Amino acid sequence: MENITIGDIQHILTNFASIITAGGIVCVFALKVGKKVLDKSLQPFNDKMNEMDKLRIEQHEETKQEIKVIRDELTKNSLNTMKNTICNDNIPLSERISVGRDYIDKGGNGAVKVYLQELEEEYKKRFKGNLTN
């Protein structure tokens, strides 16, 4: 059997370290190339996803606009219904005043507001100040 010297061991270890280093370099290179290939192959998918995101955002904005239009129309209809109630002499005065307060709270104004103040004065006269605040 041949004697192995310390120099031989150092030489073997140096060669082994060189092989490991070279293997690491090859692995890093393979990973970089693989990532580029993967990125390139996924690009159509990423483009499609970006396009879908843009469409989703556009649809969301359209939906928000549609909701705003519906909400505005609903508010307008509610105010009109309240106006009709306030001005209807067949409805009890207390109900008309209650609806009138809601009307003002929801932004109603103008001639109906003035008319409501007249109704409140009439109520005070009729019921001698029993109007609740």
C-alpha atoms as a PDB file:
ATOM      1  CA  MET A   1       0.000   0.000   0.000  1.00  0.00           C
ATOM      2  CA  GLU A   2       1.218   3.399  -0.940  1.00  0.00           C
ATOM      3  CA  ASN A   3       1.697   6.091   1.687  1.00  0.00           C
ATOM      4  CA  ILE A   4      -0.398   9.208   1.285  1.00  0.00           C
ATOM      5  CA  THR A   5       1.326  12.389   2.240  1.00  0.00           C
ATOM      6  CA  ILE A   6      -0.097  15.607   3.579  1.00  0.00           C
ATOM      7  CA  GLY A   7       0.714  17.220   0.237  1.00  0.00           C
ATOM      8  CA  ASP A   8      -1.392  14.562  -1.501  1.00  0.00           C
ATOM      9  CA  ILE A   9      -4.311  15.282   0.830  1.00  0.00           C
ATOM     10  CA  GLN A  10      -3.955  19.016   0.197  1.00  0.00           C
ATOM     11  CA  HIS A  11      -3.886  18.386  -3.538  1.00  0.00           C
ATOM     12  CA  ILE A  12      -7.014  16.167  -3.327  1.00  0.00           C
ATOM     13  CA  LEU A  13      -8.847  18.735  -1.184  1.00  0.00           C
ATOM     14  CA  THR A  14      -7.881  21.573  -3.537  1.00  0.00           C
ATOM     15  CA  ASN A  15      -9.167  19.590  -6.527  1.00  0.00           C
ATOM     16  CA  PHE A  16     -12.329  18.683  -4.634  1.00  0.00           C
ATOM     17  CA  ALA A  17     -12.926  22.356  -3.705  1.00  0.00           C
ATOM     18  CA  SER A  18     -12.374  23.351  -7.342  1.00  0.00           C
ATOM     19  CA  ILE A  19     -14.928  20.776  -8.476  1.00  0.00           C
ATOM     20  CA  ILE A  20     -17.450  21.995  -5.901  1.00  0.00           C
ATOM     21  CA  THR A  21     -16.866  25.627  -6.909  1.00  0.00           C
ATOM     22  CA  ALA A  22     -17.239  24.792 -10.585  1.00  0.00           C
ATOM     23  CA  GLY A  23     -20.413  22.841  -9.813  1.00  0.00           C
ATOM     24  CA  GLY A  24     -21.782  25.836  -7.904  1.00  0.00           C
ATOM     25  CA  ILE A  25     -20.989  28.155 -10.795  1.00  0.00           C
ATOM     26  CA  VAL A  26     -22.710  25.767 -13.212  1.00  0.00           C
ATOM     27  CA  CYS A  27     -25.767  25.584 -10.917  1.00  0.00           C
ATOM     28  CA  VAL A  28     -25.993  29.387 -10.615  1.00  0.00           C
ATOM     29  CA  PHE A  29     -25.649  29.743 -14.391  1.00  0.00           C
ATOM     30  CA  ALA A  30     -28.304  27.048 -14.962  1.00  0.00           C
ATOM     31  CA  LEU A  31     -30.658  28.777 -12.518  1.00  0.00           C
ATOM     32  CA  LYS A  32     -30.185  32.152 -14.215  1.00  0.00           C
ATOM     33  CA  VAL A  33     -30.750  30.683 -17.661  1.00  0.00           C
ATOM     34  CA  GLY A  34     -33.701  28.665 -16.388  1.00  0.00           C
ATOM     35  CA  LYS A  35     -35.235  31.769 -14.825  1.00  0.00           C
ATOM     36  CA  LYS A  36     -34.878  33.683 -18.087  1.00  0.00           C
ATOM     37  CA  VAL A  37     -36.457  30.834 -20.030  1.00  0.00           C
ATOM     38  CA  LEU A  38     -39.260  30.540 -17.479  1.00  0.00           C
ATOM     39  CA  ASP A  39     -39.851  34.311 -17.457  1.00  0.00           C
ATOM     40  CA  LYS A  40     -39.975  34.348 -21.241  1.00  0.00           C
ATOM     41  CA  SER A  41     -42.384  31.409 -21.392  1.00  0.00           C
ATOM     42  CA  LEU A  42     -44.614  32.979 -18.708  1.00  0.00           C
ATOM     43  CA  GLN A  43     -44.675  36.408 -20.363  1.00  0.00           C
ATOM     44  CA  PRO A  44     -47.864  35.755 -22.397  1.00  0.00           C
ATOM     45  CA  PHE A  45     -49.574  34.561 -19.215  1.00  0.00           C
ATOM     46  CA  ASN A  46     -48.385  37.636 -17.280  1.00  0.00           C
ATOM     47  CA  ASP A  47     -49.531  39.915 -20.111  1.00  0.00           C
ATOM     48  CA  LYS A  48     -52.970  38.286 -20.061  1.00  0.00           C
ATOM     49  CA  MET A  49     -53.178  38.656 -16.282  1.00  0.00           C
ATOM     50  CA  ASN A  50     -52.248  42.347 -16.528  1.00  0.00           C
ATOM     51  CA  GLU A  51     -54.887  42.835 -19.217  1.00  0.00           C
ATOM     52  CA  MET A  52     -57.481  41.109 -17.030  1.00  0.00           C
ATOM     53  CA  ASP A  53     -56.510  43.304 -14.065  1.00  0.00           C
ATOM     54  CA  LYS A  54     -57.018  46.429 -16.180  1.00  0.00           C
ATOM     55  CA  LEU A  55     -60.432  45.181 -17.322  1.00  0.00           C
ATOM     56  CA  ARG A  56     -61.386  44.360 -13.741  1.00  0.00           C
ATOM     57  CA  ILE A  57     -60.426  47.879 -12.636  1.00  0.00           C
ATOM     58  CA  GLU A  58     -62.404  49.407 -15.517  1.00  0.00           C
ATOM     59  CA  GLN A  59     -65.431  47.284 -14.670  1.00  0.00           C
ATOM     60  CA  HIS A  60     -65.117  48.258 -11.005  1.00  0.00           C
ATOM     61  CA  GLU A  61     -65.096  51.938 -11.933  1.00  0.00           C
ATOM     62  CA  GLU A  62     -68.109  51.456 -14.231  1.00  0.00           C
ATOM     63  CA  THR A  63     -69.950  49.645 -11.450  1.00  0.00           C
ATOM     64  CA  LYS A  64     -69.152  52.443  -8.999  1.00  0.00           C
ATOM     65  CA  GLN A  65     -70.536  54.970 -11.480  1.00  0.00           C
ATOM     66  CA  GLU A  66     -73.682  52.902 -12.028  1.00  0.00           C
ATOM     67  CA  ILE A  67     -74.203  52.606  -8.274  1.00  0.00           C
ATOM     68  CA  LYS A  68     -73.802  56.368  -7.909  1.00  0.00           C
ATOM     69  CA  VAL A  69     -76.426  56.977 -10.624  1.00  0.00           C
ATOM     70  CA  ILE A  70     -78.821  54.538  -8.952  1.00  0.00           C
ATOM     71  CA  ARG A  71     -78.199  56.055  -5.515  1.00  0.00           C
ATOM     72  CA  ASP A  72     -78.759  59.582  -6.842  1.00  0.00           C
ATOM     73  CA  GLU A  73     -81.991  58.486  -8.535  1.00  0.00           C
ATOM     74  CA  LEU A  74     -83.171  56.761  -5.371  1.00  0.00           C
ATOM     75  CA  THR A  75     -82.475  59.891  -3.320  1.00  0.00           C
ATOM     76  CA  LYS A  76     -84.351  62.004  -5.843  1.00  0.00           C
ATOM     77  CA  ASN A  77     -87.318  59.619  -5.790  1.00  0.00           C
ATOM     78  CA  SER A  78     -87.317  59.544  -1.996  1.00  0.00           C
ATOM     79  CA  LEU A  79     -87.314  63.335  -1.809  1.00  0.00           C
ATOM     80  CA  ASN A  80     -90.163  63.514  -4.343  1.00  0.00           C
ATOM     81  CA  THR A  81     -92.202  60.985  -2.354  1.00  0.00           C
ATOM     82  CA  MET A  82     -91.558  62.993   0.800  1.00  0.00           C
ATOM     83  CA  LYS A  83     -92.640  66.195  -0.962  1.00  0.00           C
ATOM     84  CA  ASN A  84     -95.892  64.525  -1.980  1.00  0.00           C
ATOM     85  CA  THR A  85     -96.481  63.387   1.592  1.00  0.00           C
ATOM     86  CA  ILE A  86     -95.726  66.815   3.067  1.00  0.00           C
ATOM     87  CA  CYS A  87     -98.103  68.552   0.653  1.00  0.00           C
ATOM     88  CA  ASN A  88    -100.950  66.007   0.937  1.00  0.00           C
ATOM     89  CA  ASP A  89    -103.766  67.445   3.066  1.00  0.00           C
ATOM     90  CA  ASN A  90    -105.255  63.959   3.517  1.00  0.00           C
ATOM     91  CA  ILE A  91    -102.315  62.839   5.678  1.00  0.00           C
ATOM     92  CA  PRO A  92    -102.302  63.797   9.376  1.00  0.00           C
ATOM     93  CA  LEU A  93    -100.360  66.960  10.131  1.00  0.00           C
ATOM     94  CA  SER A  94     -97.995  65.244  12.583  1.00  0.00           C
ATOM     95  CA  GLU A  95     -97.019  62.673   9.925  1.00  0.00           C
ATOM     96  CA  ARG A  96     -96.416  65.392   7.361  1.00  0.00           C
ATOM     97  CA  ILE A  97     -94.170  67.259   9.790  1.00  0.00           C
ATOM     98  CA  SER A  98     -92.249  64.082  10.688  1.00  0.00           C
ATOM     99  CA  VAL A  99     -91.677  63.297   7.008  1.00  0.00           C
ATOM    100  CA  GLY A 100     -90.736  66.942   6.472  1.00  0.00           C
ATOM    101  CA  ARG A 101     -87.960  66.697   9.041  1.00  0.00           C
ATOM    102  CA  ASP A 102     -86.592  63.611   7.252  1.00  0.00           C
ATOM    103  CA  TYR A 103     -86.891  65.541   3.995  1.00  0.00           C
ATOM    104  CA  ILE A 104     -84.701  68.344   5.340  1.00  0.00           C
ATOM    105  CA  ASP A 105     -82.228  65.861   6.908  1.00  0.00           C
ATOM    106  CA  LYS A 106     -81.820  64.220   3.490  1.00  0.00           C
ATOM    107  CA  GLY A 107     -81.028  67.548   1.839  1.00  0.00           C
ATOM    108  CA  GLY A 108     -84.493  68.713   0.821  1.00  0.00           C
ATOM    109  CA  ASN A 109     -84.815  72.472   0.647  1.00  0.00           C
ATOM    110  CA  GLY A 110     -86.614  75.298  -1.100  1.00  0.00           C
ATOM    111  CA  ALA A 111     -90.344  75.953  -1.118  1.00  0.00           C
ATOM    112  CA  VAL A 112     -91.164  72.654   0.591  1.00  0.00           C
ATOM    113  CA  LYS A 113     -88.922  73.610   3.502  1.00  0.00           C
ATOM    114  CA  VAL A 114     -90.777  76.918   3.842  1.00  0.00           C
ATOM    115  CA  TYR A 115     -94.112  75.085   3.619  1.00  0.00           C
ATOM    116  CA  LEU A 116     -92.934  72.686   6.341  1.00  0.00           C
ATOM    117  CA  GLN A 117     -92.197  75.632   8.615  1.00  0.00           C
ATOM    118  CA  GLU A 118     -95.753  76.841   8.012  1.00  0.00           C
ATOM    119  CA  LEU A 119     -97.084  73.373   8.896  1.00  0.00           C
ATOM    120  CA  GLU A 120     -95.075  73.381  12.119  1.00  0.00           C
ATOM    121  CA  GLU A 121     -96.545  76.776  13.045  1.00  0.00           C
ATOM    122  CA  GLU A 122    -100.038  75.478  12.312  1.00  0.00           C
ATOM    123  CA  TYR A 123     -99.360  72.415  14.475  1.00  0.00           C
ATOM    124  CA  LYS A 124     -98.163  74.618  17.347  1.00  0.00           C
ATOM    125  CA  LYS A 125    -101.318  76.722  17.117  1.00  0.00           C
ATOM    126  CA  ARG A 126    -103.572  73.653  17.001  1.00  0.00           C
ATOM    127  CA  PHE A 127    -101.973  71.716  19.797  1.00  0.00           C
ATOM    128  CA  LYS A 128    -100.640  74.569  21.926  1.00  0.00           C
ATOM    129  CA  GLY A 129     -96.915  73.843  21.774  1.00  0.00           C
ATOM    130  CA  ASN A 130     -96.955  70.027  22.073  1.00  0.00           C
ATOM    131  CA  LEU A 131     -94.607  69.731  19.102  1.00  0.00           C
ATOM    132  CA  THR A 132     -91.717  67.450  20.012  1.00  0.00           C
ATOM    133  CA  ASN A 133     -88.188  68.337  18.917  1.00  0.00           C
END
